[in-house]
Amino acid sequence: MKDENKPFNDAIEHFNEIEGNAGNPSNAKINKLPKPLKYFGCFMIGFISLSILLMIILNLLN
């Protein structure tokens, strides 16, 4: 079985260390973000969703 965390070669490993790449999406820990950033993200997603829904409803009423 191939190890998913093993880099392709030394150059890729060095590039990932320099650039700060996560390597794979499972390394991205959303729960480790600061609370204000999590709340801001939730607010933005909610605001955009409600705005789109409101625009659809208003367009249907016209």
PDB file of N, CA and C in Angstrom:
ATOM      1  N   MET A   1       0.843  -1.183   0.000  1.00  0.00           N
ATOM      2  CA  MET A   1       0.000   0.000   0.000  1.00  0.00           C
ATOM      3  C   MET A   1       0.885   1.243   0.000  1.00  0.00           C
ATOM      4  N   LYS A   2       0.541   2.188  -0.840  1.00  0.00           N
ATOM      5  CA  LYS A   2       1.346   3.399  -0.983  1.00  0.00           C
ATOM      6  C   LYS A   2       1.023   4.388   0.127  1.00  0.00           C
ATOM      7  N   ASP A   3       2.059   4.966   0.694  1.00  0.00           N
ATOM      8  CA  ASP A   3       1.882   5.967   1.744  1.00  0.00           C
ATOM      9  C   ASP A   3       1.479   7.296   1.099  1.00  0.00           C
ATOM     10  N   GLU A   4       0.310   7.834   1.464  1.00  0.00           N
ATOM     11  CA  GLU A   4      -0.187   9.072   0.856  1.00  0.00           C
ATOM     12  C   GLU A   4       0.593  10.301   1.312  1.00  0.00           C
ATOM     13  N   ASN A   5       1.201  10.252   2.476  1.00  0.00           N
ATOM     14  CA  ASN A   5       1.927  11.414   2.993  1.00  0.00           C
ATOM     15  C   ASN A   5       3.352  11.488   2.473  1.00  0.00           C
ATOM     16  N   LYS A   6       3.825  10.452   1.818  1.00  0.00           N
ATOM     17  CA  LYS A   6       5.191  10.447   1.299  1.00  0.00           C
ATOM     18  C   LYS A   6       5.263  11.338   0.057  1.00  0.00           C
ATOM     19  N   PRO A   7       6.225  12.276   0.009  1.00  0.00           N
ATOM     20  CA  PRO A   7       6.328  13.156  -1.157  1.00  0.00           C
ATOM     21  C   PRO A   7       6.795  12.392  -2.396  1.00  0.00           C
ATOM     22  N   PHE A   8       6.479  12.949  -3.565  1.00  0.00           N
ATOM     23  CA  PHE A   8       6.851  12.336  -4.836  1.00  0.00           C
ATOM     24  C   PHE A   8       8.368  12.250  -4.967  1.00  0.00           C
ATOM     25  N   ASN A   9       9.049  13.333  -4.627  1.00  0.00           N
ATOM     26  CA  ASN A   9      10.509  13.348  -4.610  1.00  0.00           C
ATOM     27  C   ASN A   9      10.975  14.467  -3.676  1.00  0.00           C
ATOM     28  N   ASP A  10      12.293  14.630  -3.548  1.00  0.00           N
ATOM     29  CA  ASP A  10      12.828  15.629  -2.621  1.00  0.00           C
ATOM     30  C   ASP A  10      12.472  17.057  -3.031  1.00  0.00           C
ATOM     31  N   ALA A  11      12.412  17.311  -4.334  1.00  0.00           N
ATOM     32  CA  ALA A  11      12.089  18.663  -4.798  1.00  0.00           C
ATOM     33  C   ALA A  11      10.659  19.041  -4.409  1.00  0.00           C
ATOM     34  N   ILE A  12       9.734  18.100  -4.549  1.00  0.00           N
ATOM     35  CA  ILE A  12       8.340  18.361  -4.177  1.00  0.00           C
ATOM     36  C   ILE A  12       8.231  18.573  -2.674  1.00  0.00           C
ATOM     37  N   GLU A  13       8.956  17.766  -1.902  1.00  0.00           N
ATOM     38  CA  GLU A  13       8.933  17.920  -0.446  1.00  0.00           C
ATOM     39  C   GLU A  13       9.470  19.295  -0.048  1.00  0.00           C
ATOM     40  N   HIS A  14      10.574  19.713  -0.664  1.00  0.00           N
ATOM     41  CA  HIS A  14      11.157  21.018  -0.366  1.00  0.00           C
ATOM     42  C   HIS A  14      10.188  22.137  -0.758  1.00  0.00           C
ATOM     43  N   PHE A  15       9.572  22.021  -1.930  1.00  0.00           N
ATOM     44  CA  PHE A  15       8.604  23.027  -2.383  1.00  0.00           C
ATOM     45  C   PHE A  15       7.440  23.134  -1.401  1.00  0.00           C
ATOM     46  N   ASN A  16       6.918  22.007  -0.944  1.00  0.00           N
ATOM     47  CA  ASN A  16       5.799  22.028  -0.001  1.00  0.00           C
ATOM     48  C   ASN A  16       6.196  22.655   1.332  1.00  0.00           C
ATOM     49  N   GLU A  17       7.419  22.428   1.778  1.00  0.00           N
ATOM     50  CA  GLU A  17       7.879  23.036   3.027  1.00  0.00           C
ATOM     51  C   GLU A  17       8.044  24.544   2.871  1.00  0.00           C
ATOM     52  N   ILE A  18       8.590  24.981   1.748  1.00  0.00           N
ATOM     53  CA  ILE A  18       8.822  26.405   1.519  1.00  0.00           C
ATOM     54  C   ILE A  18       7.501  27.148   1.338  1.00  0.00           C
ATOM     55  N   GLU A  19       6.605  26.592   0.527  1.00  0.00           N
ATOM     56  CA  GLU A  19       5.338  27.251   0.211  1.00  0.00           C
ATOM     57  C   GLU A  19       4.293  27.078   1.298  1.00  0.00           C
ATOM     58  N   GLY A  20       4.464  26.106   2.156  1.00  0.00           N
ATOM     59  CA  GLY A  20       3.487  25.857   3.202  1.00  0.00           C
ATOM     60  C   GLY A  20       2.256  25.130   2.699  1.00  0.00           C
ATOM     61  N   ASN A  21       2.404  24.334   1.651  1.00  0.00           N
ATOM     62  CA  ASN A  21       1.275  23.575   1.111  1.00  0.00           C
ATOM     63  C   ASN A  21       0.866  22.488   2.086  1.00  0.00           C
ATOM     64  N   ALA A  22      -0.436  22.212   2.123  1.00  0.00           N
ATOM     65  CA  ALA A  22      -0.965  21.216   3.055  1.00  0.00           C
ATOM     66  C   ALA A  22      -0.608  19.801   2.630  1.00  0.00           C
ATOM     67  N   GLY A  23      -0.362  19.557   1.365  1.00  0.00           N
ATOM     68  CA  GLY A  23      -0.047  18.216   0.908  1.00  0.00           C
ATOM     69  C   GLY A  23      -1.275  17.481   0.430  1.00  0.00           C
ATOM     70  N   ASN A  24      -2.241  17.346   1.285  1.00  0.00           N
ATOM     71  CA  ASN A  24      -3.530  16.776   0.886  1.00  0.00           C
ATOM     72  C   ASN A  24      -4.627  17.450   1.699  1.00  0.00           C
ATOM     73  N   PRO A  25      -5.861  17.427   1.211  1.00  0.00           N
ATOM     74  CA  PRO A  25      -6.939  18.166   1.893  1.00  0.00           C
ATOM     75  C   PRO A  25      -7.230  17.690   3.308  1.00  0.00           C
ATOM     76  N   SER A  26      -6.870  16.465   3.640  1.00  0.00           N
ATOM     77  CA  SER A  26      -7.158  15.987   4.993  1.00  0.00           C
ATOM     78  C   SER A  26      -6.305  16.703   6.040  1.00  0.00           C
ATOM     79  N   ASN A  27      -5.224  17.365   5.610  1.00  0.00           N
ATOM     80  CA  ASN A  27      -4.376  18.099   6.553  1.00  0.00           C
ATOM     81  C   ASN A  27      -4.983  19.442   6.945  1.00  0.00           C
ATOM     82  N   ALA A  28      -5.937  19.935   6.182  1.00  0.00           N
ATOM     83  CA  ALA A  28      -6.566  21.224   6.479  1.00  0.00           C
ATOM     84  C   ALA A  28      -7.574  21.024   7.605  1.00  0.00           C
ATOM     85  N   LYS A  29      -7.298  21.606   8.751  1.00  0.00           N
ATOM     86  CA  LYS A  29      -8.151  21.434   9.926  1.00  0.00           C
ATOM     87  C   LYS A  29      -8.980  22.698  10.128  1.00  0.00           C
ATOM     88  N   ILE A  30     -10.243  22.646   9.735  1.00  0.00           N
ATOM     89  CA  ILE A  30     -11.126  23.802   9.867  1.00  0.00           C
ATOM     90  C   ILE A  30     -11.413  24.093  11.337  1.00  0.00           C
ATOM     91  N   ASN A  31     -11.486  23.065  12.159  1.00  0.00           N
ATOM     92  CA  ASN A  31     -11.805  23.258  13.575  1.00  0.00           C
ATOM     93  C   ASN A  31     -10.689  23.961  14.338  1.00  0.00           C
ATOM     94  N   LYS A  32      -9.506  24.047  13.755  1.00  0.00           N
ATOM     95  CA  LYS A  32      -8.385  24.690  14.438  1.00  0.00           C
ATOM     96  C   LYS A  32      -8.288  26.180  14.133  1.00  0.00           C
ATOM     97  N   LEU A  33      -9.212  26.707  13.322  1.00  0.00           N
ATOM     98  CA  LEU A  33      -9.199  28.139  13.026  1.00  0.00           C
ATOM     99  C   LEU A  33      -9.641  28.932  14.253  1.00  0.00           C
ATOM    100  N   PRO A  34      -9.204  30.181  14.381  1.00  0.00           N
ATOM    101  CA  PRO A  34      -9.672  31.024  15.487  1.00  0.00           C
ATOM    102  C   PRO A  34     -11.178  31.256  15.389  1.00  0.00           C
ATOM    103  N   LYS A  35     -11.819  31.414  16.551  1.00  0.00           N
ATOM    104  CA  LYS A  35     -13.278  31.577  16.581  1.00  0.00           C
ATOM    105  C   LYS A  35     -13.767  32.771  15.766  1.00  0.00           C
ATOM    106  N   PRO A  36     -13.123  33.952  15.846  1.00  0.00           N
ATOM    107  CA  PRO A  36     -13.625  35.070  15.032  1.00  0.00           C
ATOM    108  C   PRO A  36     -13.605  34.760  13.533  1.00  0.00           C
ATOM    109  N   LEU A  37     -12.599  34.035  13.081  1.00  0.00           N
ATOM    110  CA  LEU A  37     -12.521  33.689  11.668  1.00  0.00           C
ATOM    111  C   LEU A  37     -13.616  32.701  11.284  1.00  0.00           C
ATOM    112  N   LYS A  38     -13.908  31.744  12.164  1.00  0.00           N
ATOM    113  CA  LYS A  38     -15.001  30.797  11.908  1.00  0.00           C
ATOM    114  C   LYS A  38     -16.337  31.526  11.849  1.00  0.00           C
ATOM    115  N   TYR A  39     -16.564  32.445  12.802  1.00  0.00           N
ATOM    116  CA  TYR A  39     -17.825  33.183  12.830  1.00  0.00           C
ATOM    117  C   TYR A  39     -17.964  34.075  11.604  1.00  0.00           C
ATOM    118  N   PHE A  40     -16.871  34.710  11.192  1.00  0.00           N
ATOM    119  CA  PHE A  40     -16.900  35.555   9.999  1.00  0.00           C
ATOM    120  C   PHE A  40     -17.241  34.723   8.764  1.00  0.00           C
ATOM    121  N   GLY A  41     -16.649  33.547   8.648  1.00  0.00           N
ATOM    122  CA  GLY A  41     -16.942  32.664   7.520  1.00  0.00           C
ATOM    123  C   GLY A  41     -18.394  32.233   7.501  1.00  0.00           C
ATOM    124  N   CYS A  42     -18.924  31.868   8.665  1.00  0.00           N
ATOM    125  CA  CYS A  42     -20.342  31.474   8.747  1.00  0.00           C
ATOM    126  C   CYS A  42     -21.249  32.649   8.399  1.00  0.00           C
ATOM    127  N   PHE A  43     -20.904  33.832   8.879  1.00  0.00           N
ATOM    128  CA  PHE A  43     -21.690  35.027   8.568  1.00  0.00           C
ATOM    129  C   PHE A  43     -21.690  35.306   7.069  1.00  0.00           C
ATOM    130  N   MET A  44     -20.528  35.220   6.439  1.00  0.00           N
ATOM    131  CA  MET A  44     -20.440  35.502   5.007  1.00  0.00           C
ATOM    132  C   MET A  44     -21.223  34.476   4.188  1.00  0.00           C
ATOM    133  N   ILE A  45     -21.117  33.204   4.527  1.00  0.00           N
ATOM    134  CA  ILE A  45     -21.856  32.171   3.802  1.00  0.00           C
ATOM    135  C   ILE A  45     -23.356  32.394   3.967  1.00  0.00           C
ATOM    136  N   GLY A  46     -23.786  32.693   5.194  1.00  0.00           N
ATOM    137  CA  GLY A  46     -25.201  32.959   5.442  1.00  0.00           C
ATOM    138  C   GLY A  46     -25.692  34.195   4.718  1.00  0.00           C
ATOM    139  N   PHE A  47     -24.902  35.261   4.754  1.00  0.00           N
ATOM    140  CA  PHE A  47     -25.285  36.512   4.093  1.00  0.00           C
ATOM    141  C   PHE A  47     -25.422  36.326   2.585  1.00  0.00           C
ATOM    142  N   ILE A  48     -24.465  35.647   1.989  1.00  0.00           N
ATOM    143  CA  ILE A  48     -24.510  35.419   0.541  1.00  0.00           C
ATOM    144  C   ILE A  48     -25.694  34.529   0.179  1.00  0.00           C
ATOM    145  N   SER A  49     -25.933  33.490   0.971  1.00  0.00           N
ATOM    146  CA  SER A  49     -27.065  32.591   0.705  1.00  0.00           C
ATOM    147  C   SER A  49     -28.394  33.329   0.806  1.00  0.00           C
ATOM    148  N   LEU A  50     -28.557  34.119   1.866  1.00  0.00           N
ATOM    149  CA  LEU A  50     -29.797  34.880   2.024  1.00  0.00           C
ATOM    150  C   LEU A  50     -29.963  35.929   0.927  1.00  0.00           C
ATOM    151  N   SER A  51     -28.878  36.542   0.501  1.00  0.00           N
ATOM    152  CA  SER A  51     -28.950  37.538  -0.572  1.00  0.00           C
ATOM    153  C   SER A  51     -29.403  36.899  -1.878  1.00  0.00           C
ATOM    154  N   ILE A  52     -28.855  35.744  -2.193  1.00  0.00           N
ATOM    155  CA  ILE A  52     -29.252  35.047  -3.419  1.00  0.00           C
ATOM    156  C   ILE A  52     -30.717  34.640  -3.343  1.00  0.00           C
ATOM    157  N   LEU A  53     -31.126  34.105  -2.204  1.00  0.00           N
ATOM    158  CA  LEU A  53     -32.521  33.703  -2.028  1.00  0.00           C
ATOM    159  C   LEU A  53     -33.461  34.901  -2.146  1.00  0.00           C
ATOM    160  N   LEU A  54     -33.093  36.016  -1.549  1.00  0.00           N
ATOM    161  CA  LEU A  54     -33.908  37.230  -1.620  1.00  0.00           C
ATOM    162  C   LEU A  54     -33.997  37.757  -3.053  1.00  0.00           C
ATOM    163  N   MET A  55     -32.893  37.714  -3.793  1.00  0.00           N
ATOM    164  CA  MET A  55     -32.922  38.164  -5.186  1.00  0.00           C
ATOM    165  C   MET A  55     -33.830  37.273  -6.024  1.00  0.00           C
ATOM    166  N   ILE A  56     -33.803  35.970  -5.797  1.00  0.00           N
ATOM    167  CA  ILE A  56     -34.675  35.057  -6.541  1.00  0.00           C
ATOM    168  C   ILE A  56     -36.137  35.347  -6.231  1.00  0.00           C
ATOM    169  N   ILE A  57     -36.454  35.526  -4.955  1.00  0.00           N
ATOM    170  CA  ILE A  57     -37.841  35.804  -4.558  1.00  0.00           C
ATOM    171  C   ILE A  57     -38.319  37.125  -5.144  1.00  0.00           C
ATOM    172  N   LEU A  58     -37.492  38.161  -5.077  1.00  0.00           N
ATOM    173  CA  LEU A  58     -37.891  39.466  -5.613  1.00  0.00           C
ATOM    174  C   LEU A  58     -38.048  39.435  -7.128  1.00  0.00           C
ATOM    175  N   ASN A  59     -37.226  38.652  -7.819  1.00  0.00           N
ATOM    176  CA  ASN A  59     -37.373  38.537  -9.272  1.00  0.00           C
ATOM    177  C   ASN A  59     -38.642  37.785  -9.643  1.00  0.00           C
ATOM    178  N   LEU A  60     -39.054  36.827  -8.838  1.00  0.00           N
ATOM    179  CA  LEU A  60     -40.283  36.085  -9.120  1.00  0.00           C
ATOM    180  C   LEU A  60     -41.523  36.939  -8.868  1.00  0.00           C
ATOM    181  N   LEU A  61     -41.443  37.886  -7.949  1.00  0.00           N
ATOM    182  CA  LEU A  61     -42.586  38.741  -7.639  1.00  0.00           C
ATOM    183  C   LEU A  61     -42.826  39.805  -8.706  1.00  0.00           C
ATOM    184  N   ASN A  62     -41.799  40.178  -9.430  1.00  0.00           N
ATOM    185  CA  ASN A  62     -41.952  41.234 -10.458  1.00  0.00           C
ATOM    186  C   ASN A  62     -42.598  40.712 -11.690  1.00  0.00           C
TER     187      ASN A  62
END
